C-alpha atoms as a PDB file:
ATOM      1  CA  LEU A   1     -77.461 -65.026 101.858  1.00  0.00           C
ATOM      2  CA  PRO A   2     -77.718 -68.306 103.168  1.00  0.00           C
ATOM      3  CA  ALA A   3     -74.904 -69.282 105.633  1.00  0.00           C
ATOM      4  CA  VAL A   4     -74.435 -71.393 108.587  1.00  0.00           C
ATOM      5  CA  LEU A   5     -73.108 -69.312 111.380  1.00  0.00           C
ATOM      6  CA  GLY A   6     -71.421 -70.242 114.375  1.00  0.00           C
ATOM      7  CA  HIS A   7     -68.620 -72.576 115.109  1.00  0.00           C
ATOM      8  CA  GLU A   8     -67.564 -75.589 117.255  1.00  0.00           C
ATOM      9  CA  GLY A   9     -70.769 -78.101 116.733  1.00  0.00           C
ATOM     10  CA  ALA A  10     -70.681 -81.329 118.791  1.00  0.00           C
ATOM     11  CA  GLY A  11     -72.796 -84.064 119.214  1.00  0.00           C
ATOM     12  CA  VAL A  12     -73.159 -87.674 119.625  1.00  0.00           C
ATOM     13  CA  VAL A  13     -73.514 -90.262 116.513  1.00  0.00           C
ATOM     14  CA  VAL A  14     -76.666 -91.947 116.988  1.00  0.00           C
ATOM     15  CA  GLU A  15     -76.654 -93.900 113.077  1.00  0.00           C
ATOM     16  CA  THR A  16     -74.060 -94.300 110.627  1.00  0.00           C
ATOM     17  CA  GLY A  17     -74.886 -95.110 106.535  1.00  0.00           C
ATOM     18  CA  GLY A  18     -73.005 -98.123 106.752  1.00  0.00           C
ATOM     19  CA  ALA A  19     -69.729 -96.821 105.355  1.00  0.00           C
ATOM     20  CA  ASP A  20     -66.531 -98.094 107.332  1.00  0.00           C
ATOM     21  CA  THR A  21     -65.912 -94.143 108.387  1.00  0.00           C
ATOM     22  CA  GLY A  22     -64.437 -95.187 111.914  1.00  0.00           C
ATOM     23  CA  LEU A  23     -67.111 -93.981 113.387  1.00  0.00           C
ATOM     24  CA  GLY A  24     -70.531 -95.622 115.316  1.00  0.00           C
ATOM     25  CA  PRO A  25     -73.103 -95.157 117.398  1.00  0.00           C
ATOM     26  CA  GLY A  26     -72.329 -93.318 120.564  1.00  0.00           C
ATOM     27  CA  ASP A  27     -69.127 -91.506 119.425  1.00  0.00           C
ATOM     28  CA  HIS A  28     -68.646 -87.713 120.395  1.00  0.00           C
ATOM     29  CA  VAL A  29     -67.809 -85.855 117.448  1.00  0.00           C
ATOM     30  CA  VAL A  30     -66.981 -82.085 116.879  1.00  0.00           C
ATOM     31  CA  LEU A  31     -67.666 -80.376 113.707  1.00  0.00           C
ATOM     32  CA  SER A  32     -65.508 -78.017 111.467  1.00  0.00           C
ATOM     33  CA  PHE A  33     -64.388 -76.900 108.209  1.00  0.00           C
ATOM     34  CA  ASP A  34     -64.475 -78.536 105.399  1.00  0.00           C
ATOM     35  CA  SER A  35     -61.069 -78.395 102.994  1.00  0.00           C
ATOM     36  CA  CYS A  36     -59.952 -79.436  99.809  1.00  0.00           C
ATOM     37  CA  GLY A  37     -57.480 -81.467 101.320  1.00  0.00           C
ATOM     38  CA  HIS A  38     -55.041 -80.670  97.847  1.00  0.00           C
ATOM     39  CA  CYS A  39     -53.674 -77.554  98.095  1.00  0.00           C
ATOM     40  CA  ARG A  40     -50.622 -75.960  99.268  1.00  0.00           C
ATOM     41  CA  SER A  41     -51.702 -75.323 102.571  1.00  0.00           C
ATOM     42  CA  CYS A  42     -53.965 -78.322 102.897  1.00  0.00           C
ATOM     43  CA  LEU A  43     -50.551 -80.273 102.373  1.00  0.00           C
ATOM     44  CA  GLY A  44     -49.130 -77.921 104.236  1.00  0.00           C
ATOM     45  CA  ALA A  45     -51.011 -79.262 107.434  1.00  0.00           C
ATOM     46  CA  ALA A  46     -52.904 -75.833 107.520  1.00  0.00           C
ATOM     47  CA  PRO A  47     -56.016 -76.404 106.278  1.00  0.00           C
ATOM     48  CA  ALA A  48     -57.507 -73.325 107.619  1.00  0.00           C
ATOM     49  CA  TYR A  49     -55.860 -71.960 104.870  1.00  0.00           C
ATOM     50  CA  CYS A  50     -57.171 -73.398 102.148  1.00  0.00           C
ATOM     51  CA  ASP A  51     -57.318 -72.172  98.980  1.00  0.00           C
ATOM     52  CA  ASP A  52     -60.926 -73.037  98.181  1.00  0.00           C
ATOM     53  CA  PHE A  53     -61.942 -71.850 102.129  1.00  0.00           C
ATOM     54  CA  ALA A  54     -64.873 -69.616 101.257  1.00  0.00           C
ATOM     55  CA  ALA A  55     -66.432 -71.611  98.501  1.00  0.00           C
ATOM     56  CA  LEU A  56     -66.462 -74.503 100.719  1.00  0.00           C
ATOM     57  CA  ASN A  57     -67.838 -72.760 104.279  1.00  0.00           C
ATOM     58  CA  LEU A  58     -69.602 -69.826 103.653  1.00  0.00           C
ATOM     59  CA  PHE A  59     -71.529 -69.277 100.821  1.00  0.00           C
ATOM     60  CA  GLY A  60     -74.836 -71.903 101.917  1.00  0.00           C
ATOM     61  CA  GLY A  61     -74.164 -74.115  98.612  1.00  0.00           C
ATOM     62  CA  ARG A  62     -74.845 -77.959  98.701  1.00  0.00           C
ATOM     63  CA  ALA A  63     -72.824 -80.501  96.619  1.00  0.00           C
ATOM     64  CA  GLU A  64     -76.487 -81.092  94.675  1.00  0.00           C
ATOM     65  CA  ASN A  65     -76.611 -77.289  93.777  1.00  0.00           C
ATOM     66  CA  ARG A  66     -79.673 -77.219  96.321  1.00  0.00           C
ATOM     67  CA  ALA A  67     -79.677 -73.961  98.481  1.00  0.00           C
ATOM     68  CA  ARG A  68     -81.629 -75.048 101.380  1.00  0.00           C
ATOM     69  CA  PHE A  69     -81.750 -77.393 103.941  1.00  0.00           C
ATOM     70  CA  THR A  70     -84.863 -80.167 102.868  1.00  0.00           C
ATOM     71  CA  ASP A  71     -86.759 -82.635 105.449  1.00  0.00           C
ATOM     72  CA  ALA A  72     -86.040 -86.238 103.551  1.00  0.00           C
ATOM     73  CA  ALA A  73     -88.783 -87.704 106.035  1.00  0.00           C
END
């Protein structure tokens, strides 16, 4: 099944897409899991127990319904 395994990814921002995210080139970042932000666990400051944790993090799907990474170059 398509899945990204591992944890605790980290990196340095090279460039941003222009949106005001509070991040800029040179900022150090840590990659984490995704959560819905509105279920009881998320609202209770426990996003690791999000109702949608598996669907958002483990199945390798993309918002555009693509299952593989593509090279946009």
